[in-house]
Amino acid sequence: MTEPIPPITLPPPKNPELEGEWLRQRLHRWLDEEFLPEIINQKIAERAAQIFVRQRMEGENDLGSLVIAIVTEMQSFDFSKSFYGEFAIANAVSDLLLDSLGIDRCCGQ
């Protein structure tokens, strides 16, 4: 029988605004490097970071719940000028956070 994947819990935020700024910068860089640097990438990164900060300030520390919140709230964002969509953004945020925690995200480990 397969074992469920244990949840990943972020440490409680000490400075959610600083975390959000870090995420905004890293996500913006990732967006620019993944495809083309575009003006819309800055707006995408800002919106995702706003969602992240608000969730963290409301006490959300579960990575899975944070990803779902980003997917849900980014659905109202206009991605028509972008290569990306809400799922790509939420997955990128998850990867960036896992990397920052030193968690290997390769091969289901």
PDB file of N, CA and C in Angstrom:
ATOM      1  N   MET A   1       0.839  -1.178   0.000  1.00  0.00           N
ATOM      2  CA  MET A   1       0.000   0.000   0.000  1.00  0.00           C
ATOM      3  C   MET A   1       0.885   1.242   0.000  1.00  0.00           C
ATOM      4  N   THR A   2       0.480   2.250  -0.728  1.00  0.00           N
ATOM      5  CA  THR A   2       1.269   3.478  -0.796  1.00  0.00           C
ATOM      6  C   THR A   2       1.034   4.335   0.439  1.00  0.00           C
ATOM      7  N   GLU A   3       2.061   5.054   0.794  1.00  0.00           N
ATOM      8  CA  GLU A   3       1.996   5.944   1.946  1.00  0.00           C
ATOM      9  C   GLU A   3       1.625   7.344   1.477  1.00  0.00           C
ATOM     10  N   PRO A   4       0.770   8.038   2.213  1.00  0.00           N
ATOM     11  CA  PRO A   4       0.452   9.418   1.833  1.00  0.00           C
ATOM     12  C   PRO A   4       1.679  10.310   2.009  1.00  0.00           C
ATOM     13  N   ILE A   5       1.731  11.332   1.193  1.00  0.00           N
ATOM     14  CA  ILE A   5       2.819  12.304   1.307  1.00  0.00           C
ATOM     15  C   ILE A   5       2.551  13.172   2.527  1.00  0.00           C
ATOM     16  N   PRO A   6       3.512  13.255   3.441  1.00  0.00           N
ATOM     17  CA  PRO A   6       3.282  14.083   4.636  1.00  0.00           C
ATOM     18  C   PRO A   6       3.201  15.558   4.259  1.00  0.00           C
ATOM     19  N   PRO A   7       2.405  16.317   4.998  1.00  0.00           N
ATOM     20  CA  PRO A   7       2.306  17.750   4.695  1.00  0.00           C
ATOM     21  C   PRO A   7       3.627  18.458   4.988  1.00  0.00           C
ATOM     22  N   ILE A   8       3.837  19.538   4.278  1.00  0.00           N
ATOM     23  CA  ILE A   8       5.021  20.367   4.514  1.00  0.00           C
ATOM     24  C   ILE A   8       4.535  21.644   5.179  1.00  0.00           C
ATOM     25  N   THR A   9       5.059  21.895   6.365  1.00  0.00           N
ATOM     26  CA  THR A   9       4.650  23.052   7.140  1.00  0.00           C
ATOM     27  C   THR A   9       5.797  24.049   7.198  1.00  0.00           C
ATOM     28  N   LEU A  10       5.498  25.271   6.794  1.00  0.00           N
ATOM     29  CA  LEU A  10       6.497  26.338   6.876  1.00  0.00           C
ATOM     30  C   LEU A  10       6.619  26.800   8.319  1.00  0.00           C
ATOM     31  N   PRO A  11       7.788  27.270   8.697  1.00  0.00           N
ATOM     32  CA  PRO A  11       7.907  27.829  10.040  1.00  0.00           C
ATOM     33  C   PRO A  11       6.998  29.054  10.170  1.00  0.00           C
ATOM     34  N   PRO A  12       6.505  29.339  11.372  1.00  0.00           N
ATOM     35  CA  PRO A  12       5.665  30.528  11.542  1.00  0.00           C
ATOM     36  C   PRO A  12       6.403  31.767  11.042  1.00  0.00           C
ATOM     37  N   PRO A  13       5.685  32.684  10.409  1.00  0.00           N
ATOM     38  CA  PRO A  13       6.357  33.859   9.844  1.00  0.00           C
ATOM     39  C   PRO A  13       6.853  34.803  10.930  1.00  0.00           C
ATOM     40  N   LYS A  14       8.076  35.267  10.754  1.00  0.00           N
ATOM     41  CA  LYS A  14       8.618  36.286  11.647  1.00  0.00           C
ATOM     42  C   LYS A  14       8.384  37.665  11.051  1.00  0.00           C
ATOM     43  N   ASN A  15       8.438  37.738   9.724  1.00  0.00           N
ATOM     44  CA  ASN A  15       8.241  38.994   9.017  1.00  0.00           C
ATOM     45  C   ASN A  15       7.583  38.685   7.663  1.00  0.00           C
ATOM     46  N   PRO A  16       6.251  38.564   7.631  1.00  0.00           N
ATOM     47  CA  PRO A  16       5.573  38.174   6.394  1.00  0.00           C
ATOM     48  C   PRO A  16       5.846  39.112   5.224  1.00  0.00           C
ATOM     49  N   GLU A  17       5.993  40.405   5.490  1.00  0.00           N
ATOM     50  CA  GLU A  17       6.266  41.349   4.404  1.00  0.00           C
ATOM     51  C   GLU A  17       7.627  41.076   3.768  1.00  0.00           C
ATOM     52  N   LEU A  18       8.620  40.754   4.588  1.00  0.00           N
ATOM     53  CA  LEU A  18       9.952  40.437   4.075  1.00  0.00           C
ATOM     54  C   LEU A  18       9.912  39.127   3.279  1.00  0.00           C
ATOM     55  N   GLU A  19       9.169  38.139   3.777  1.00  0.00           N
ATOM     56  CA  GLU A  19       8.989  36.886   3.037  1.00  0.00           C
ATOM     57  C   GLU A  19       8.344  37.166   1.679  1.00  0.00           C
ATOM     58  N   GLY A  20       7.336  38.022   1.682  1.00  0.00           N
ATOM     59  CA  GLY A  20       6.633  38.366   0.450  1.00  0.00           C
ATOM     60  C   GLY A  20       7.541  39.055  -0.545  1.00  0.00           C
ATOM     61  N   GLU A  21       8.402  39.947  -0.055  1.00  0.00           N
ATOM     62  CA  GLU A  21       9.341  40.635  -0.947  1.00  0.00           C
ATOM     63  C   GLU A  21      10.340  39.650  -1.531  1.00  0.00           C
ATOM     64  N   TRP A  22      10.822  38.727  -0.684  1.00  0.00           N
ATOM     65  CA  TRP A  22      11.718  37.681  -1.171  1.00  0.00           C
ATOM     66  C   TRP A  22      11.024  36.865  -2.257  1.00  0.00           C
ATOM     67  N   LEU A  23       9.788  36.454  -1.994  1.00  0.00           N
ATOM     68  CA  LEU A  23       9.046  35.649  -2.966  1.00  0.00           C
ATOM     69  C   LEU A  23       8.805  36.432  -4.251  1.00  0.00           C
ATOM     70  N   ARG A  24       8.439  37.687  -4.142  1.00  0.00           N
ATOM     71  CA  ARG A  24       8.181  38.509  -5.328  1.00  0.00           C
ATOM     72  C   ARG A  24       9.419  38.571  -6.210  1.00  0.00           C
ATOM     73  N   GLN A  25      10.571  38.831  -5.600  1.00  0.00           N
ATOM     74  CA  GLN A  25      11.818  38.933  -6.360  1.00  0.00           C
ATOM     75  C   GLN A  25      12.186  37.602  -7.017  1.00  0.00           C
ATOM     76  N   ARG A  26      12.117  36.540  -6.253  1.00  0.00           N
ATOM     77  CA  ARG A  26      12.496  35.220  -6.771  1.00  0.00           C
ATOM     78  C   ARG A  26      11.535  34.762  -7.862  1.00  0.00           C
ATOM     79  N   LEU A  27      10.245  34.976  -7.661  1.00  0.00           N
ATOM     80  CA  LEU A  27       9.259  34.561  -8.657  1.00  0.00           C
ATOM     81  C   LEU A  27       9.413  35.382  -9.934  1.00  0.00           C
ATOM     82  N   HIS A  28       9.632  36.689  -9.783  1.00  0.00           N
ATOM     83  CA  HIS A  28       9.837  37.542 -10.952  1.00  0.00           C
ATOM     84  C   HIS A  28      11.060  37.068 -11.741  1.00  0.00           C
ATOM     85  N   ARG A  29      12.138  36.769 -11.060  1.00  0.00           N
ATOM     86  CA  ARG A  29      13.339  36.267 -11.723  1.00  0.00           C
ATOM     87  C   ARG A  29      13.050  34.946 -12.432  1.00  0.00           C
ATOM     88  N   TRP A  30      12.330  34.050 -11.753  1.00  0.00           N
ATOM     89  CA  TRP A  30      11.994  32.751 -12.349  1.00  0.00           C
ATOM     90  C   TRP A  30      11.151  32.942 -13.607  1.00  0.00           C
ATOM     91  N   LEU A  31      10.142  33.797 -13.542  1.00  0.00           N
ATOM     92  CA  LEU A  31       9.281  34.054 -14.693  1.00  0.00           C
ATOM     93  C   LEU A  31      10.090  34.588 -15.873  1.00  0.00           C
ATOM     94  N   ASP A  32      10.984  35.525 -15.611  1.00  0.00           N
ATOM     95  CA  ASP A  32      11.798  36.105 -16.675  1.00  0.00           C
ATOM     96  C   ASP A  32      12.767  35.088 -17.282  1.00  0.00           C
ATOM     97  N   GLU A  33      13.284  34.195 -16.459  1.00  0.00           N
ATOM     98  CA  GLU A  33      14.256  33.219 -16.951  1.00  0.00           C
ATOM     99  C   GLU A  33      13.590  32.023 -17.625  1.00  0.00           C
ATOM    100  N   GLU A  34      12.398  31.684 -17.205  1.00  0.00           N
ATOM    101  CA  GLU A  34      11.728  30.493 -17.729  1.00  0.00           C
ATOM    102  C   GLU A  34      11.310  30.666 -19.186  1.00  0.00           C
ATOM    103  N   PHE A  35      10.777  31.811 -19.550  1.00  0.00           N
ATOM    104  CA  PHE A  35      10.410  32.105 -20.936  1.00  0.00           C
ATOM    105  C   PHE A  35      11.052  33.435 -21.334  1.00  0.00           C
ATOM    106  N   LEU A  36      10.243  34.438 -21.488  1.00  0.00           N
ATOM    107  CA  LEU A  36      10.741  35.752 -21.901  1.00  0.00           C
ATOM    108  C   LEU A  36      10.524  36.778 -20.803  1.00  0.00           C
ATOM    109  N   PRO A  37      11.479  37.682 -20.615  1.00  0.00           N
ATOM    110  CA  PRO A  37      11.222  38.786 -19.680  1.00  0.00           C
ATOM    111  C   PRO A  37      10.123  39.681 -20.252  1.00  0.00           C
ATOM    112  N   GLU A  38       9.038  39.809 -19.524  1.00  0.00           N
ATOM    113  CA  GLU A  38       7.920  40.637 -19.959  1.00  0.00           C
ATOM    114  C   GLU A  38       7.435  41.484 -18.798  1.00  0.00           C
ATOM    115  N   ILE A  39       6.834  42.606 -19.094  1.00  0.00           N
ATOM    116  CA  ILE A  39       6.319  43.511 -18.062  1.00  0.00           C
ATOM    117  C   ILE A  39       5.288  42.813 -17.185  1.00  0.00           C
ATOM    118  N   ILE A  40       4.464  41.958 -17.780  1.00  0.00           N
ATOM    119  CA  ILE A  40       3.400  41.279 -17.027  1.00  0.00           C
ATOM    120  C   ILE A  40       3.979  40.387 -15.928  1.00  0.00           C
ATOM    121  N   ASN A  41       5.205  39.902 -16.106  1.00  0.00           N
ATOM    122  CA  ASN A  41       5.814  39.036 -15.089  1.00  0.00           C
ATOM    123  C   ASN A  41       5.916  39.736 -13.738  1.00  0.00           C
ATOM    124  N   GLN A  42       6.210  41.024 -13.761  1.00  0.00           N
ATOM    125  CA  GLN A  42       6.292  41.787 -12.513  1.00  0.00           C
ATOM    126  C   GLN A  42       4.935  41.814 -11.820  1.00  0.00           C
ATOM    127  N   LYS A  43       3.876  42.021 -12.582  1.00  0.00           N
ATOM    128  CA  LYS A  43       2.534  42.074 -11.998  1.00  0.00           C
ATOM    129  C   LYS A  43       2.105  40.710 -11.461  1.00  0.00           C
ATOM    130  N   ILE A  44       2.461  39.656 -12.176  1.00  0.00           N
ATOM    131  CA  ILE A  44       2.149  38.304 -11.706  1.00  0.00           C
ATOM    132  C   ILE A  44       2.857  38.043 -10.382  1.00  0.00           C
ATOM    133  N   ALA A  45       4.146  38.364 -10.322  1.00  0.00           N
ATOM    134  CA  ALA A  45       4.924  38.134  -9.096  1.00  0.00           C
ATOM    135  C   ALA A  45       4.379  38.949  -7.937  1.00  0.00           C
ATOM    136  N   GLU A  46       3.997  40.198  -8.204  1.00  0.00           N
ATOM    137  CA  GLU A  46       3.434  41.049  -7.147  1.00  0.00           C
ATOM    138  C   GLU A  46       2.135  40.458  -6.609  1.00  0.00           C
ATOM    139  N   ARG A  47       1.260  40.007  -7.502  1.00  0.00           N
ATOM    140  CA  ARG A  47      -0.037  39.462  -7.064  1.00  0.00           C
ATOM    141  C   ARG A  47       0.157  38.176  -6.276  1.00  0.00           C
ATOM    142  N   ALA A  48       1.004  37.289  -6.756  1.00  0.00           N
ATOM    143  CA  ALA A  48       1.246  36.036  -6.037  1.00  0.00           C
ATOM    144  C   ALA A  48       1.836  36.312  -4.657  1.00  0.00           C
ATOM    145  N   ALA A  49       2.758  37.269  -4.567  1.00  0.00           N
ATOM    146  CA  ALA A  49       3.360  37.616  -3.278  1.00  0.00           C
ATOM    147  C   ALA A  49       2.328  38.220  -2.333  1.00  0.00           C
ATOM    148  N   GLN A  50       1.404  39.044  -2.854  1.00  0.00           N
ATOM    149  CA  GLN A  50       0.343  39.614  -2.016  1.00  0.00           C
ATOM    150  C   GLN A  50      -0.519  38.506  -1.411  1.00  0.00           C
ATOM    151  N   ILE A  51      -0.888  37.547  -2.231  1.00  0.00           N
ATOM    152  CA  ILE A  51      -1.703  36.425  -1.752  1.00  0.00           C
ATOM    153  C   ILE A  51      -0.937  35.659  -0.671  1.00  0.00           C
ATOM    154  N   PHE A  52       0.318  35.375  -0.946  1.00  0.00           N
ATOM    155  CA  PHE A  52       1.158  34.641  -0.010  1.00  0.00           C
ATOM    156  C   PHE A  52       1.251  35.362   1.332  1.00  0.00           C
ATOM    157  N   VAL A  53       1.537  36.658   1.294  1.00  0.00           N
ATOM    158  CA  VAL A  53       1.683  37.435   2.534  1.00  0.00           C
ATOM    159  C   VAL A  53       0.373  37.427   3.319  1.00  0.00           C
ATOM    160  N   ARG A  54      -0.735  37.667   2.658  1.00  0.00           N
ATOM    161  CA  ARG A  54      -2.014  37.687   3.367  1.00  0.00           C
ATOM    162  C   ARG A  54      -2.299  36.333   4.008  1.00  0.00           C
ATOM    163  N   GLN A  55      -2.059  35.265   3.290  1.00  0.00           N
ATOM    164  CA  GLN A  55      -2.284  33.925   3.838  1.00  0.00           C
ATOM    165  C   GLN A  55      -1.392  33.678   5.049  1.00  0.00           C
ATOM    166  N   ARG A  56      -0.139  34.074   4.943  1.00  0.00           N
ATOM    167  CA  ARG A  56       0.788  33.882   6.059  1.00  0.00           C
ATOM    168  C   ARG A  56       0.368  34.714   7.271  1.00  0.00           C
ATOM    169  N   MET A  57      -0.084  35.939   7.029  1.00  0.00           N
ATOM    170  CA  MET A  57      -0.521  36.798   8.141  1.00  0.00           C
ATOM    171  C   MET A  57      -1.784  36.254   8.798  1.00  0.00           C
ATOM    172  N   GLU A  58      -2.573  35.506   8.039  1.00  0.00           N
ATOM    173  CA  GLU A  58      -3.772  34.877   8.587  1.00  0.00           C
ATOM    174  C   GLU A  58      -3.465  33.562   9.284  1.00  0.00           C
ATOM    175  N   GLY A  59      -2.177  33.181   9.319  1.00  0.00           N
ATOM    176  CA  GLY A  59      -1.767  31.998  10.068  1.00  0.00           C
ATOM    177  C   GLY A  59      -1.603  30.734   9.248  1.00  0.00           C
ATOM    178  N   GLU A  60      -1.641  30.837   7.936  1.00  0.00           N
ATOM    179  CA  GLU A  60      -1.490  29.640   7.099  1.00  0.00           C
ATOM    180  C   GLU A  60      -0.018  29.290   6.955  1.00  0.00           C
ATOM    181  N   ASN A  61       0.339  28.091   7.387  1.00  0.00           N
ATOM    182  CA  ASN A  61       1.710  27.616   7.312  1.00  0.00           C
ATOM    183  C   ASN A  61       1.850  26.352   6.475  1.00  0.00           C
ATOM    184  N   ASP A  62       0.730  25.754   6.073  1.00  0.00           N
ATOM    185  CA  ASP A  62       0.753  24.524   5.291  1.00  0.00           C
ATOM    186  C   ASP A  62       1.011  24.858   3.822  1.00  0.00           C
ATOM    187  N   LEU A  63       2.064  24.285   3.260  1.00  0.00           N
ATOM    188  CA  LEU A  63       2.443  24.599   1.883  1.00  0.00           C
ATOM    189  C   LEU A  63       1.334  24.231   0.899  1.00  0.00           C
ATOM    190  N   GLY A  64       0.703  23.088   1.089  1.00  0.00           N
ATOM    191  CA  GLY A  64      -0.378  22.681   0.195  1.00  0.00           C
ATOM    192  C   GLY A  64      -1.526  23.673   0.201  1.00  0.00           C
ATOM    193  N   SER A  65      -1.890  24.152   1.357  1.00  0.00           N
ATOM    194  CA  SER A  65      -2.970  25.141   1.465  1.00  0.00           C
ATOM    195  C   SER A  65      -2.576  26.470   0.833  1.00  0.00           C
ATOM    196  N   LEU A  66      -1.316  26.850   0.976  1.00  0.00           N
ATOM    197  CA  LEU A  66      -0.842  28.080   0.349  1.00  0.00           C
ATOM    198  C   LEU A  66      -0.907  27.963  -1.175  1.00  0.00           C
ATOM    199  N   VAL A  67      -0.529  26.810  -1.701  1.00  0.00           N
ATOM    200  CA  VAL A  67      -0.572  26.594  -3.151  1.00  0.00           C
ATOM    201  C   VAL A  67      -2.012  26.663  -3.657  1.00  0.00           C
ATOM    202  N   ILE A  68      -2.931  26.029  -2.948  1.00  0.00           N
ATOM    203  CA  ILE A  68      -4.350  26.062  -3.341  1.00  0.00           C
ATOM    204  C   ILE A  68      -4.880  27.492  -3.297  1.00  0.00           C
ATOM    205  N   ALA A  69      -4.502  28.254  -2.298  1.00  0.00           N
ATOM    206  CA  ALA A  69      -4.945  29.652  -2.195  1.00  0.00           C
ATOM    207  C   ALA A  69      -4.430  30.465  -3.378  1.00  0.00           C
ATOM    208  N   ILE A  70      -3.179  30.230  -3.764  1.00  0.00           N
ATOM    209  CA  ILE A  70      -2.623  30.967  -4.901  1.00  0.00           C
ATOM    210  C   ILE A  70      -3.334  30.577  -6.187  1.00  0.00           C
ATOM    211  N   VAL A  71      -3.571  29.298  -6.397  1.00  0.00           N
ATOM    212  CA  VAL A  71      -4.307  28.854  -7.596  1.00  0.00           C
ATOM    213  C   VAL A  71      -5.681  29.508  -7.630  1.00  0.00           C
ATOM    214  N   THR A  72      -6.397  29.433  -6.521  1.00  0.00           N
ATOM    215  CA  THR A  72      -7.766  29.949  -6.456  1.00  0.00           C
ATOM    216  C   THR A  72      -7.816  31.450  -6.714  1.00  0.00           C
ATOM    217  N   GLU A  73      -6.967  32.200  -6.032  1.00  0.00           N
ATOM    218  CA  GLU A  73      -7.019  33.657  -6.155  1.00  0.00           C
ATOM    219  C   GLU A  73      -6.412  34.171  -7.454  1.00  0.00           C
ATOM    220  N   MET A  74      -5.474  33.424  -8.028  1.00  0.00           N
ATOM    221  CA  MET A  74      -4.886  33.854  -9.294  1.00  0.00           C
ATOM    222  C   MET A  74      -5.813  33.567 -10.474  1.00  0.00           C
ATOM    223  N   GLN A  75      -6.891  32.818 -10.258  1.00  0.00           N
ATOM    224  CA  GLN A  75      -7.834  32.561 -11.348  1.00  0.00           C
ATOM    225  C   GLN A  75      -8.472  33.850 -11.855  1.00  0.00           C
ATOM    226  N   SER A  76      -8.550  34.857 -11.021  1.00  0.00           N
ATOM    227  CA  SER A  76      -9.144  36.126 -11.444  1.00  0.00           C
ATOM    228  C   SER A  76      -8.115  37.050 -12.113  1.00  0.00           C
ATOM    229  N   PHE A  77      -6.855  36.644 -12.146  1.00  0.00           N
ATOM    230  CA  PHE A  77      -5.807  37.451 -12.771  1.00  0.00           C
ATOM    231  C   PHE A  77      -5.890  37.284 -14.290  1.00  0.00           C
ATOM    232  N   ASP A  78      -5.655  38.353 -15.031  1.00  0.00           N
ATOM    233  CA  ASP A  78      -5.682  38.309 -16.495  1.00  0.00           C
ATOM    234  C   ASP A  78      -4.328  37.838 -17.020  1.00  0.00           C
ATOM    235  N   PHE A  79      -4.249  36.576 -17.408  1.00  0.00           N
ATOM    236  CA  PHE A  79      -3.015  35.993 -17.930  1.00  0.00           C
ATOM    237  C   PHE A  79      -2.922  36.097 -19.457  1.00  0.00           C
ATOM    238  N   SER A  80      -3.785  36.876 -20.084  1.00  0.00           N
ATOM    239  CA  SER A  80      -3.839  36.925 -21.548  1.00  0.00           C
ATOM    240  C   SER A  80      -2.541  37.442 -22.188  1.00  0.00           C
ATOM    241  N   LYS A  81      -1.722  38.174 -21.440  1.00  0.00           N
ATOM    242  CA  LYS A  81      -0.460  38.702 -21.975  1.00  0.00           C
ATOM    243  C   LYS A  81       0.742  37.911 -21.459  1.00  0.00           C
ATOM    244  N   SER A  82       0.494  36.671 -21.056  1.00  0.00           N
ATOM    245  CA  SER A  82       1.532  35.870 -20.427  1.00  0.00           C
ATOM    246  C   SER A  82       1.520  34.443 -20.975  1.00  0.00           C
ATOM    247  N   PHE A  83       2.652  33.780 -20.850  1.00  0.00           N
ATOM    248  CA  PHE A  83       2.740  32.358 -21.166  1.00  0.00           C
ATOM    249  C   PHE A  83       2.210  31.505 -20.018  1.00  0.00           C
ATOM    250  N   TYR A  84       1.991  32.103 -18.884  1.00  0.00           N
ATOM    251  CA  TYR A  84       1.692  31.380 -17.658  1.00  0.00           C
ATOM    252  C   TYR A  84       0.213  31.367 -17.332  1.00  0.00           C
ATOM    253  N   GLY A  85      -0.136  30.543 -16.353  1.00  0.00           N
ATOM    254  CA  GLY A  85      -1.469  30.490 -15.789  1.00  0.00           C
ATOM    255  C   GLY A  85      -1.344  30.273 -14.296  1.00  0.00           C
ATOM    256  N   GLU A  86      -2.487  30.210 -13.621  1.00  0.00           N
ATOM    257  CA  GLU A  86      -2.465  30.130 -12.158  1.00  0.00           C
ATOM    258  C   GLU A  86      -1.775  28.880 -11.624  1.00  0.00           C
ATOM    259  N   PHE A  87      -1.881  27.752 -12.343  1.00  0.00           N
ATOM    260  CA  PHE A  87      -1.249  26.529 -11.847  1.00  0.00           C
ATOM    261  C   PHE A  87       0.276  26.608 -11.958  1.00  0.00           C
ATOM    262  N   ALA A  88       0.766  27.166 -13.048  1.00  0.00           N
ATOM    263  CA  ALA A  88       2.216  27.323 -13.208  1.00  0.00           C
ATOM    264  C   ALA A  88       2.780  28.239 -12.127  1.00  0.00           C
ATOM    265  N   ILE A  89       2.048  29.289 -11.808  1.00  0.00           N
ATOM    266  CA  ILE A  89       2.514  30.229 -10.784  1.00  0.00           C
ATOM    267  C   ILE A  89       2.532  29.565  -9.410  1.00  0.00           C
ATOM    268  N   ALA A  90       1.460  28.880  -9.065  1.00  0.00           N
ATOM    269  CA  ALA A  90       1.391  28.211  -7.762  1.00  0.00           C
ATOM    270  C   ALA A  90       2.478  27.141  -7.638  1.00  0.00           C
ATOM    271  N   ASN A  91       2.714  26.397  -8.717  1.00  0.00           N
ATOM    272  CA  ASN A  91       3.766  25.383  -8.681  1.00  0.00           C
ATOM    273  C   ASN A  91       5.147  26.017  -8.554  1.00  0.00           C
ATOM    274  N   ALA A  92       5.361  27.137  -9.230  1.00  0.00           N
ATOM    275  CA  ALA A  92       6.645  27.827  -9.111  1.00  0.00           C
ATOM    276  C   ALA A  92       6.854  28.330  -7.683  1.00  0.00           C
ATOM    277  N   VAL A  93       5.815  28.890  -7.079  1.00  0.00           N
ATOM    278  CA  VAL A  93       5.915  29.343  -5.685  1.00  0.00           C
ATOM    279  C   VAL A  93       6.281  28.170  -4.784  1.00  0.00           C
ATOM    280  N   SER A  94       5.611  27.040  -4.981  1.00  0.00           N
ATOM    281  CA  SER A  94       5.901  25.857  -4.188  1.00  0.00           C
ATOM    282  C   SER A  94       7.355  25.437  -4.355  1.00  0.00           C
ATOM    283  N   ASP A  95       7.840  25.390  -5.584  1.00  0.00           N
ATOM    284  CA  ASP A  95       9.229  24.998  -5.831  1.00  0.00           C
ATOM    285  C   ASP A  95      10.211  25.962  -5.172  1.00  0.00           C
ATOM    286  N   LEU A  96       9.944  27.260  -5.284  1.00  0.00           N
ATOM    287  CA  LEU A  96      10.824  28.252  -4.668  1.00  0.00           C
ATOM    288  C   LEU A  96      10.864  28.095  -3.152  1.00  0.00           C
ATOM    289  N   LEU A  97       9.699  27.847  -2.561  1.00  0.00           N
ATOM    290  CA  LEU A  97       9.644  27.672  -1.109  1.00  0.00           C
ATOM    291  C   LEU A  97      10.346  26.388  -0.683  1.00  0.00           C
ATOM    292  N   LEU A  98      10.142  25.302  -1.424  1.00  0.00           N
ATOM    293  CA  LEU A  98      10.825  24.047  -1.104  1.00  0.00           C
ATOM    294  C   LEU A  98      12.336  24.216  -1.212  1.00  0.00           C
ATOM    295  N   ASP A  99      12.784  24.893  -2.271  1.00  0.00           N
ATOM    296  CA  ASP A  99      14.220  25.144  -2.413  1.00  0.00           C
ATOM    297  C   ASP A  99      14.756  25.941  -1.225  1.00  0.00           C
ATOM    298  N   SER A 100      13.991  26.939  -0.787  1.00  0.00           N
ATOM    299  CA  SER A 100      14.463  27.775   0.321  1.00  0.00           C
ATOM    300  C   SER A 100      14.546  27.006   1.623  1.00  0.00           C
ATOM    301  N   LEU A 101      13.744  25.950   1.736  1.00  0.00           N
ATOM    302  CA  LEU A 101      13.758  25.107   2.940  1.00  0.00           C
ATOM    303  C   LEU A 101      14.769  23.967   2.832  1.00  0.00           C
ATOM    304  N   GLY A 102      15.413  23.845   1.659  1.00  0.00           N
ATOM    305  CA  GLY A 102      16.379  22.778   1.459  1.00  0.00           C
ATOM    306  C   GLY A 102      15.732  21.426   1.238  1.00  0.00           C
ATOM    307  N   ILE A 103      14.498  21.408   0.779  1.00  0.00           N
ATOM    308  CA  ILE A 103      13.771  20.163   0.538  1.00  0.00           C
ATOM    309  C   ILE A 103      13.923  19.795  -0.920  1.00  0.00           C
ATOM    310  N   ASP A 104      14.435  18.590  -1.169  1.00  0.00           N
ATOM    311  CA  ASP A 104      14.619  18.115  -2.536  1.00  0.00           C
ATOM    312  C   ASP A 104      13.253  17.817  -3.136  1.00  0.00           C
ATOM    313  N   ARG A 105      12.956  18.418  -4.261  1.00  0.00           N
ATOM    314  CA  ARG A 105      11.647  18.239  -4.887  1.00  0.00           C
ATOM    315  C   ARG A 105      11.706  17.302  -6.079  1.00  0.00           C
ATOM    316  N   CYS A 106      12.844  16.668  -6.280  1.00  0.00           N
ATOM    317  CA  CYS A 106      13.018  15.766  -7.413  1.00  0.00           C
ATOM    318  C   CYS A 106      12.514  14.366  -7.095  1.00  0.00           C
ATOM    319  N   CYS A 107      11.838  13.804  -8.030  1.00  0.00           N
ATOM    320  CA  CYS A 107      11.490  12.381  -8.015  1.00  0.00           C
ATOM    321  C   CYS A 107      10.648  11.974  -6.810  1.00  0.00           C
ATOM    322  N   GLY A 108       9.834  12.860  -6.301  1.00  0.00           N
ATOM    323  CA  GLY A 108       8.937  12.536  -5.194  1.00  0.00           C
ATOM    324  C   GLY A 108       9.624  12.341  -3.869  1.00  0.00           C
ATOM    325  N   GLN A 109      10.826  12.803  -3.726  1.00  0.00           N
ATOM    326  CA  GLN A 109      11.570  12.613  -2.472  1.00  0.00           C
ATOM    327  C   GLN A 109      11.206  13.694  -1.497  1.00  0.00           C
TER     328      GLN A 109
END
